[in-house]
C-alpha atoms as a PDB file:
ATOM      1  CA  VAL A   1      -0.045   0.009   0.036  1.00  0.00           C
ATOM      2  CA  ALA A   2       2.693   2.305   0.832  1.00  0.00           C
ATOM      3  CA  ALA A   3       4.715   1.808  -2.477  1.00  0.00           C
ATOM      4  CA  TRP A   4       1.370   2.313  -4.383  1.00  0.00           C
ATOM      5  CA  VAL A   5       0.578   5.550  -2.708  1.00  0.00           C
ATOM      6  CA  ALA A   6       4.226   6.662  -2.838  1.00  0.00           C
ATOM      7  CA  ALA A   7       4.149   6.263  -6.611  1.00  0.00           C
ATOM      8  CA  LEU A   8       1.105   8.688  -6.787  1.00  0.00           C
ATOM      9  CA  VAL A   9       2.677  11.621  -5.039  1.00  0.00           C
ATOM     10  CA  PRO A  10       4.038  14.163  -7.351  1.00  0.00           C
ATOM     11  CA  ARG A  11       7.724  15.211  -7.085  1.00  0.00           C
ATOM     12  CA  THR A  12       8.245  18.490  -4.967  1.00  0.00           C
ATOM     13  CA  ALA A  13      11.008  20.436  -3.640  1.00  0.00           C
ATOM     14  CA  LEU A  14      11.135  18.275  -0.535  1.00  0.00           C
ATOM     15  CA  ASP A  15      12.689  15.438  -2.486  1.00  0.00           C
ATOM     16  CA  SER A  16      16.058  16.558  -1.406  1.00  0.00           C
ATOM     17  CA  ALA A  17      15.086  16.452   2.298  1.00  0.00           C
ATOM     18  CA  ALA A  18      15.435  12.601   2.317  1.00  0.00           C
ATOM     19  CA  LEU A  19      14.759  10.691   5.536  1.00  0.00           C
ATOM     20  CA  SER A  20      17.197   7.992   6.566  1.00  0.00           C
ATOM     21  CA  PRO A  21      16.032   4.475   6.740  1.00  0.00           C
ATOM     22  CA  LEU A  22      16.447   4.652  10.604  1.00  0.00           C
ATOM     23  CA  ALA A  23      14.146   7.785  10.741  1.00  0.00           C
ATOM     24  CA  LEU A  24      11.574   5.812   8.554  1.00  0.00           C
ATOM     25  CA  ALA A  25      11.557   2.797  10.620  1.00  0.00           C
ATOM     26  CA  LEU A  26      11.166   4.902  13.698  1.00  0.00           C
ATOM     27  CA  ILE A  27       8.138   6.843  12.247  1.00  0.00           C
ATOM     28  CA  VAL A  28       6.510   3.728  11.063  1.00  0.00           C
ATOM     29  CA  PHE A  29       6.844   2.026  14.559  1.00  0.00           C
ATOM     30  CA  VAL A  30       5.369   5.011  16.230  1.00  0.00           C
ATOM     31  CA  LEU A  31       2.671   5.356  13.569  1.00  0.00           C
ATOM     32  CA  THR A  32       1.857   1.608  13.661  1.00  0.00           C
ATOM     33  CA  ASP A  33       1.590   1.792  17.428  1.00  0.00           C
ATOM     34  CA  LEU A  34      -0.794   4.695  17.433  1.00  0.00           C
ATOM     35  CA  THR A  35      -2.989   2.838  14.893  1.00  0.00           C
ATOM     36  CA  ASN A  36      -2.872  -0.238  17.002  1.00  0.00           C
ATOM     37  CA  TYR A  37      -4.150   1.717  19.949  1.00  0.00           C
ATOM     38  CA  TRP A  38      -7.117   3.129  18.196  1.00  0.00           C
ATOM     39  CA  THR A  39      -7.711  -0.279  16.465  1.00  0.00           C
ATOM     40  CA  HIS A  40      -7.780  -1.981  19.895  1.00  0.00           C
ATOM     41  CA  ARG A  41      -9.937   0.790  21.391  1.00  0.00           C
ATOM     42  CA  LEU A  42     -12.517   0.463  18.688  1.00  0.00           C
ATOM     43  CA  HIS A  43     -12.857  -3.321  19.327  1.00  0.00           C
ATOM     44  CA  HIS A  44     -13.776  -2.472  22.763  1.00  0.00           C
ATOM     45  CA  ASP A  45     -16.049   0.616  22.105  1.00  0.00           C
ATOM     46  CA  THR A  46     -17.780  -0.697  19.120  1.00  0.00           C
ATOM     47  CA  LYS A  47     -20.712  -3.264  19.740  1.00  0.00           C
ATOM     48  CA  ALA A  48     -20.019  -5.006  16.276  1.00  0.00           C
ATOM     49  CA  LEU A  49     -16.395  -5.552  17.113  1.00  0.00           C
ATOM     50  CA  TRP A  50     -16.523  -6.397  20.798  1.00  0.00           C
ATOM     51  CA  PRO A  51     -17.785  -9.911  20.418  1.00  0.00           C
ATOM     52  CA  LEU A  52     -14.794 -10.724  18.178  1.00  0.00           C
ATOM     53  CA  HIS A  53     -12.386  -9.167  20.686  1.00  0.00           C
ATOM     54  CA  ALA A  54     -14.040 -10.843  23.607  1.00  0.00           C
ATOM     55  CA  VAL A  55     -12.445 -14.091  22.373  1.00  0.00           C
ATOM     56  CA  HIS A  56      -9.084 -12.637  23.340  1.00  0.00           C
ATOM     57  CA  HIS A  57     -10.385 -11.625  26.770  1.00  0.00           C
ATOM     58  CA  SER A  58     -12.004 -14.854  27.671  1.00  0.00           C
ATOM     59  CA  THR A  59      -8.714 -16.394  28.677  1.00  0.00           C
ATOM     60  CA  SER A  60      -8.577 -17.065  32.358  1.00  0.00           C
ATOM     61  CA  VAL A  61      -4.740 -17.239  32.458  1.00  0.00           C
ATOM     62  CA  LEU A  62      -2.220 -15.091  30.507  1.00  0.00           C
ATOM     63  CA  THR A  63       0.635 -16.532  28.619  1.00  0.00           C
ATOM     64  CA  PRO A  64       2.646 -15.531  25.597  1.00  0.00           C
ATOM     65  CA  LEU A  65       0.321 -17.728  23.577  1.00  0.00           C
ATOM     66  CA  THR A  66      -2.612 -15.531  24.674  1.00  0.00           C
ATOM     67  CA  ALA A  67      -1.422 -12.748  22.284  1.00  0.00           C
ATOM     68  CA  TYR A  68      -2.632 -15.143  19.627  1.00  0.00           C
ATOM     69  CA  ARG A  69      -5.862 -16.122  21.082  1.00  0.00           C
ATOM     70  CA  GLN A  70      -7.870 -14.157  18.499  1.00  0.00           C
ATOM     71  CA  HIS A  71     -11.171 -14.632  16.558  1.00  0.00           C
ATOM     72  CA  PRO A  72     -10.049 -14.944  12.890  1.00  0.00           C
ATOM     73  CA  LEU A  73     -12.351 -12.068  11.956  1.00  0.00           C
ATOM     74  CA  SER A  74     -10.857  -9.863  14.484  1.00  0.00           C
ATOM     75  CA  GLY A  75      -7.573 -10.401  12.952  1.00  0.00           C
ATOM     76  CA  VAL A  76      -8.800  -9.445   9.603  1.00  0.00           C
ATOM     77  CA  VAL A  77     -10.364  -6.337  10.710  1.00  0.00           C
ATOM     78  CA  SER A  78      -7.240  -5.224  12.750  1.00  0.00           C
ATOM     79  CA  ILE A  79      -4.777  -5.919   9.849  1.00  0.00           C
ATOM     80  CA  ALA A  80      -7.069  -4.312   7.216  1.00  0.00           C
ATOM     81  CA  LEU A  81      -7.274  -0.984   9.355  1.00  0.00           C
ATOM     82  CA  THR A  82      -3.536  -0.989   9.932  1.00  0.00           C
ATOM     83  CA  THR A  83      -2.757  -1.762   6.376  1.00  0.00           C
ATOM     84  CA  VAL A  84      -4.860   1.176   5.096  1.00  0.00           C
ATOM     85  CA  ILE A  85      -3.953   3.693   7.578  1.00  0.00           C
ATOM     86  CA  VAL A  86      -0.311   3.214   8.010  1.00  0.00           C
ATOM     87  CA  GLY A  87       0.188   2.253   4.250  1.00  0.00           C
ATOM     88  CA  VAL A  88      -1.462   5.452   3.092  1.00  0.00           C
ATOM     89  CA  ILE A  89       0.400   7.814   5.724  1.00  0.00           C
ATOM     90  CA  PHE A  90       3.621   5.951   5.148  1.00  0.00           C
ATOM     91  CA  GLY A  91       3.317   6.147   1.426  1.00  0.00           C
ATOM     92  CA  LEU A  92       2.763   9.806   1.453  1.00  0.00           C
ATOM     93  CA  MET A  93       5.801  10.244   3.577  1.00  0.00           C
ATOM     94  CA  VAL A  94       7.984   8.104   1.237  1.00  0.00           C
ATOM     95  CA  GLY A  95       6.546   9.744  -1.927  1.00  0.00           C
ATOM     96  CA  THR A  96       7.136  13.249  -0.504  1.00  0.00           C
ATOM     97  CA  PHE A  97      10.805  12.617   1.170  1.00  0.00           C
ATOM     98  CA  THR A  98      12.323   9.521  -0.462  1.00  0.00           C
ATOM     99  CA  PRO A  99      10.634   8.807  -3.587  1.00  0.00           C
ATOM    100  CA  ASP A 100      13.375   6.585  -5.033  1.00  0.00           C
ATOM    101  CA  LEU A 101      12.997   3.911  -2.271  1.00  0.00           C
ATOM    102  CA  SER A 102      12.377   0.441  -3.651  1.00  0.00           C
ATOM    103  CA  ILE A 103       9.642  -1.871  -2.462  1.00  0.00           C
ATOM    104  CA  ALA A 104      12.249  -3.954  -0.501  1.00  0.00           C
ATOM    105  CA  GLU A 105      13.521  -0.907   1.163  1.00  0.00           C
ATOM    106  CA  ILE A 106      10.061   0.215   2.196  1.00  0.00           C
ATOM    107  CA  VAL A 107       9.190  -3.289   3.619  1.00  0.00           C
ATOM    108  CA  GLY A 108      12.572  -3.242   5.471  1.00  0.00           C
ATOM    109  CA  ALA A 109      11.493   0.039   7.171  1.00  0.00           C
ATOM    110  CA  ASN A 110       9.106  -2.154   9.237  1.00  0.00           C
ATOM    111  CA  ALA A 111      11.877  -3.685  11.148  1.00  0.00           C
ATOM    112  CA  PHE A 112      10.973  -2.062  14.423  1.00  0.00           C
ATOM    113  CA  VAL A 113       7.452  -3.092  13.994  1.00  0.00           C
ATOM    114  CA  VAL A 114       8.315  -6.777  13.419  1.00  0.00           C
ATOM    115  CA  LEU A 115      10.795  -6.799  16.396  1.00  0.00           C
ATOM    116  CA  THR A 116       8.047  -5.183  18.649  1.00  0.00           C
ATOM    117  CA  ASN A 117       5.545  -7.821  17.501  1.00  0.00           C
ATOM    118  CA  MET A 118       7.996 -10.490  18.245  1.00  0.00           C
ATOM    119  CA  THR A 119       8.981  -9.387  21.664  1.00  0.00           C
ATOM    120  CA  VAL A 120       6.800  -6.781  23.389  1.00  0.00           C
ATOM    121  CA  THR A 121       3.504  -8.513  22.504  1.00  0.00           C
ATOM    122  CA  ASN A 122       4.471 -11.774  23.870  1.00  0.00           C
ATOM    123  CA  PHE A 123       6.177 -10.187  26.932  1.00  0.00           C
ATOM    124  CA  LEU A 124       2.963  -8.177  27.676  1.00  0.00           C
ATOM    125  CA  HIS A 125       0.776 -11.353  28.011  1.00  0.00           C
ATOM    126  CA  SER A 126       3.180 -12.814  30.735  1.00  0.00           C
ATOM    127  CA  HIS A 127       1.432 -14.112  34.022  1.00  0.00           C
ATOM    128  CA  ILE A 128       4.191 -12.404  36.069  1.00  0.00           C
ATOM    129  CA  TRP A 129       3.467  -9.082  37.604  1.00  0.00           C
ATOM    130  CA  ILE A 130       6.089  -6.673  36.094  1.00  0.00           C
ATOM    131  CA  SER A 131       5.684  -3.111  36.577  1.00  0.00           C
ATOM    132  CA  PHE A 132       8.032  -0.454  35.477  1.00  0.00           C
ATOM    133  CA  GLY A 133       6.979   2.204  37.928  1.00  0.00           C
ATOM    134  CA  PRO A 134       4.489   5.227  37.510  1.00  0.00           C
ATOM    135  CA  LYS A 135       6.911   7.403  35.596  1.00  0.00           C
ATOM    136  CA  LEU A 136       8.116   4.999  32.972  1.00  0.00           C
ATOM    137  CA  GLU A 137       4.620   3.604  32.572  1.00  0.00           C
ATOM    138  CA  HIS A 138       3.381   6.838  31.259  1.00  0.00           C
ATOM    139  CA  VAL A 139       5.618   6.048  28.176  1.00  0.00           C
ATOM    140  CA  LEU A 140       5.921   2.266  28.062  1.00  0.00           C
ATOM    141  CA  ILE A 141       3.181  -0.406  28.540  1.00  0.00           C
ATOM    142  CA  SER A 142       4.323  -3.008  31.143  1.00  0.00           C
ATOM    143  CA  PRO A 143       3.019  -6.497  31.668  1.00  0.00           C
ATOM    144  CA  ALA A 144       1.263  -5.316  34.842  1.00  0.00           C
ATOM    145  CA  MET A 145      -0.499  -2.624  32.863  1.00  0.00           C
ATOM    146  CA  HIS A 146      -1.636  -5.117  30.305  1.00  0.00           C
ATOM    147  CA  GLN A 147      -2.815  -7.451  33.103  1.00  0.00           C
ATOM    148  CA  VAL A 148      -4.841  -4.600  34.389  1.00  0.00           C
ATOM    149  CA  HIS A 149      -6.452  -4.212  30.883  1.00  0.00           C
ATOM    150  CA  HIS A 150      -7.596  -7.964  31.122  1.00  0.00           C
ATOM    151  CA  SER A 151      -8.906  -7.687  34.445  1.00  0.00           C
ATOM    152  CA  ILE A 152     -12.736  -8.092  35.357  1.00  0.00           C
ATOM    153  CA  GLU A 153     -12.516  -5.393  37.992  1.00  0.00           C
ATOM    154  CA  PRO A 154     -14.773  -2.389  36.871  1.00  0.00           C
ATOM    155  CA  ARG A 155     -12.055   0.134  37.881  1.00  0.00           C
ATOM    156  CA  HIS A 156      -9.923  -1.538  35.158  1.00  0.00           C
ATOM    157  CA  PHE A 157     -12.454  -1.507  32.319  1.00  0.00           C
ATOM    158  CA  ASN A 158     -11.303   0.371  29.242  1.00  0.00           C
ATOM    159  CA  ARG A 159      -7.888   1.000  30.375  1.00  0.00           C
ATOM    160  CA  ASN A 160      -4.262   0.655  29.075  1.00  0.00           C
ATOM    161  CA  TYR A 161      -5.031  -0.086  25.339  1.00  0.00           C
ATOM    162  CA  GLY A 162      -1.497   0.587  24.107  1.00  0.00           C
ATOM    163  CA  GLN A 163       0.591  -2.165  22.650  1.00  0.00           C
ATOM    164  CA  ALA A 164       4.080  -0.884  23.191  1.00  0.00           C
ATOM    165  CA  LEU A 165       3.900   2.795  24.095  1.00  0.00           C
ATOM    166  CA  ALA A 166       1.585   4.202  26.964  1.00  0.00           C
ATOM    167  CA  ILE A 167       1.737   7.796  25.777  1.00  0.00           C
ATOM    168  CA  TRP A 168      -1.446   7.163  23.805  1.00  0.00           C
ATOM    169  CA  ASP A 169      -3.329   6.105  26.817  1.00  0.00           C
ATOM    170  CA  TRP A 170      -1.893   9.189  28.586  1.00  0.00           C
ATOM    171  CA  MET A 171      -2.754  11.407  25.783  1.00  0.00           C
ATOM    172  CA  PHE A 172      -6.411  10.196  25.308  1.00  0.00           C
ATOM    173  CA  GLY A 173      -7.259   9.758  28.846  1.00  0.00           C
ATOM    174  CA  THR A 174      -7.322   5.844  29.168  1.00  0.00           C
ATOM    175  CA  LEU A 175      -4.075   5.338  31.132  1.00  0.00           C
ATOM    176  CA  TYR A 176      -4.358   3.285  34.494  1.00  0.00           C
ATOM    177  CA  VAL A 177      -1.372   4.189  36.627  1.00  0.00           C
ATOM    178  CA  ILE A 178      -0.280   1.378  38.878  1.00  0.00           C
ATOM    179  CA  ARG A 179       0.793   2.502  42.296  1.00  0.00           C
ATOM    180  CA  GLU A 180       1.117  -1.096  43.964  1.00  0.00           C
ATOM    181  CA  LYS A 181       0.877  -4.671  43.220  1.00  0.00           C
ATOM    182  CA  GLU A 182      -2.757  -5.538  42.545  1.00  0.00           C
ATOM    183  CA  VAL A 183      -4.505  -9.015  42.675  1.00  0.00           C
ATOM    184  CA  VAL A 184      -5.997  -9.409  39.085  1.00  0.00           C
ATOM    185  CA  THR A 185      -8.542 -11.782  37.849  1.00  0.00           C
ATOM    186  CA  PHE A 186      -8.755 -12.603  34.145  1.00  0.00           C
ATOM    187  CA  GLY A 187     -11.835 -13.611  31.861  1.00  0.00           C
ATOM    188  CA  LEU A 188     -15.200 -12.356  31.287  1.00  0.00           C
ATOM    189  CA  ASP A 189     -18.108 -12.115  33.726  1.00  0.00           C
ATOM    190  CA  ASP A 190     -20.803 -10.682  31.545  1.00  0.00           C
ATOM    191  CA  GLU A 191     -23.643 -13.128  30.910  1.00  0.00           C
ATOM    192  CA  ALA A 192     -23.434 -12.469  27.139  1.00  0.00           C
ATOM    193  CA  ASP A 193     -19.993 -13.613  27.140  1.00  0.00           C
ATOM    194  CA  ALA A 194     -20.700 -16.854  29.107  1.00  0.00           C
ATOM    195  CA  PRO A 195     -20.387 -19.174  25.846  1.00  0.00           C
ATOM    196  CA  LEU A 196     -16.790 -17.886  25.263  1.00  0.00           C
ATOM    197  CA  MET A 197     -15.966 -18.932  28.918  1.00  0.00           C
ATOM    198  CA  THR A 198     -16.523 -22.599  28.235  1.00  0.00           C
ATOM    199  CA  HIS A 199     -13.232 -22.256  26.319  1.00  0.00           C
ATOM    200  CA  ARG A 200     -14.495 -24.650  23.691  1.00  0.00           C
ATOM    201  CA  LEU A 201     -13.529 -24.028  20.130  1.00  0.00           C
ATOM    202  CA  GLY A 202     -17.086 -24.109  18.651  1.00  0.00           C
ATOM    203  CA  PRO A 203     -18.467 -21.328  20.838  1.00  0.00           C
ATOM    204  CA  LEU A 204     -15.283 -19.302  20.484  1.00  0.00           C
ATOM    205  CA  LEU A 205     -15.610 -19.309  16.809  1.00  0.00           C
ATOM    206  CA  ILE A 206     -19.661 -19.270  16.331  1.00  0.00           C
ATOM    207  CA  ASP A 207     -20.898 -17.267  19.157  1.00  0.00           C
ATOM    208  CA  PRO A 208     -19.260 -13.921  18.305  1.00  0.00           C
ATOM    209  CA  VAL A 209     -20.518 -14.151  14.769  1.00  0.00           C
ATOM    210  CA  ARG A 210     -24.174 -15.038  16.094  1.00  0.00           C
ATOM    211  CA  ARG A 211     -23.955 -11.931  18.307  1.00  0.00           C
ATOM    212  CA  ILE A 212     -22.961  -9.653  15.570  1.00  0.00           C
ATOM    213  CA  LEU A 213     -25.716 -10.819  13.126  1.00  0.00           C
ATOM    214  CA  GLY A 214     -28.286 -10.543  15.939  1.00  0.00           C
ATOM    215  CA  PRO A 215     -31.331 -12.848  16.897  1.00  0.00           C
END
């Protein structure tokens, strides 16, 4: 998508102000993380998307594999939104500042995103309470912060949506600052989500679609 958009951008006087591959990679990382924040938040705030995302929240124990406990349709929606938003904006940047980049170089600029997905995403779903402290947790998401996000306690609802950076939660008013170790229970306790808490494959795949389509 980025390569296609970049090819549509007309040459300008900014061509000479080329960005380095490192700068592009960092910008893509920040842009992708911001997009992930809003995509994640939409899954919680939108009635049509929550049943899909509820599959991820139905786990009773967090492990690195929990990151991949997703309804297939939820993955499609998230990837589509990220592809369009990040691809278009990244393509405009490449077309404006570094129009001669090859497709291989554009793909390579996602190195930080790949590294984050391989490490931070898995690390966040650890069952071990690891907090970075109130100051650093205004910038970075810790495993403890994400455990709070998965909590069934009402005071924890709709908090800490960030994937790597906590600055988006801080900016948009969804940050839950941890002051001390908390006892956190995971899962779903709403009656509508009960079929998901059976942890059986059939209900996990079928019930979200049934709820979206209605009675």
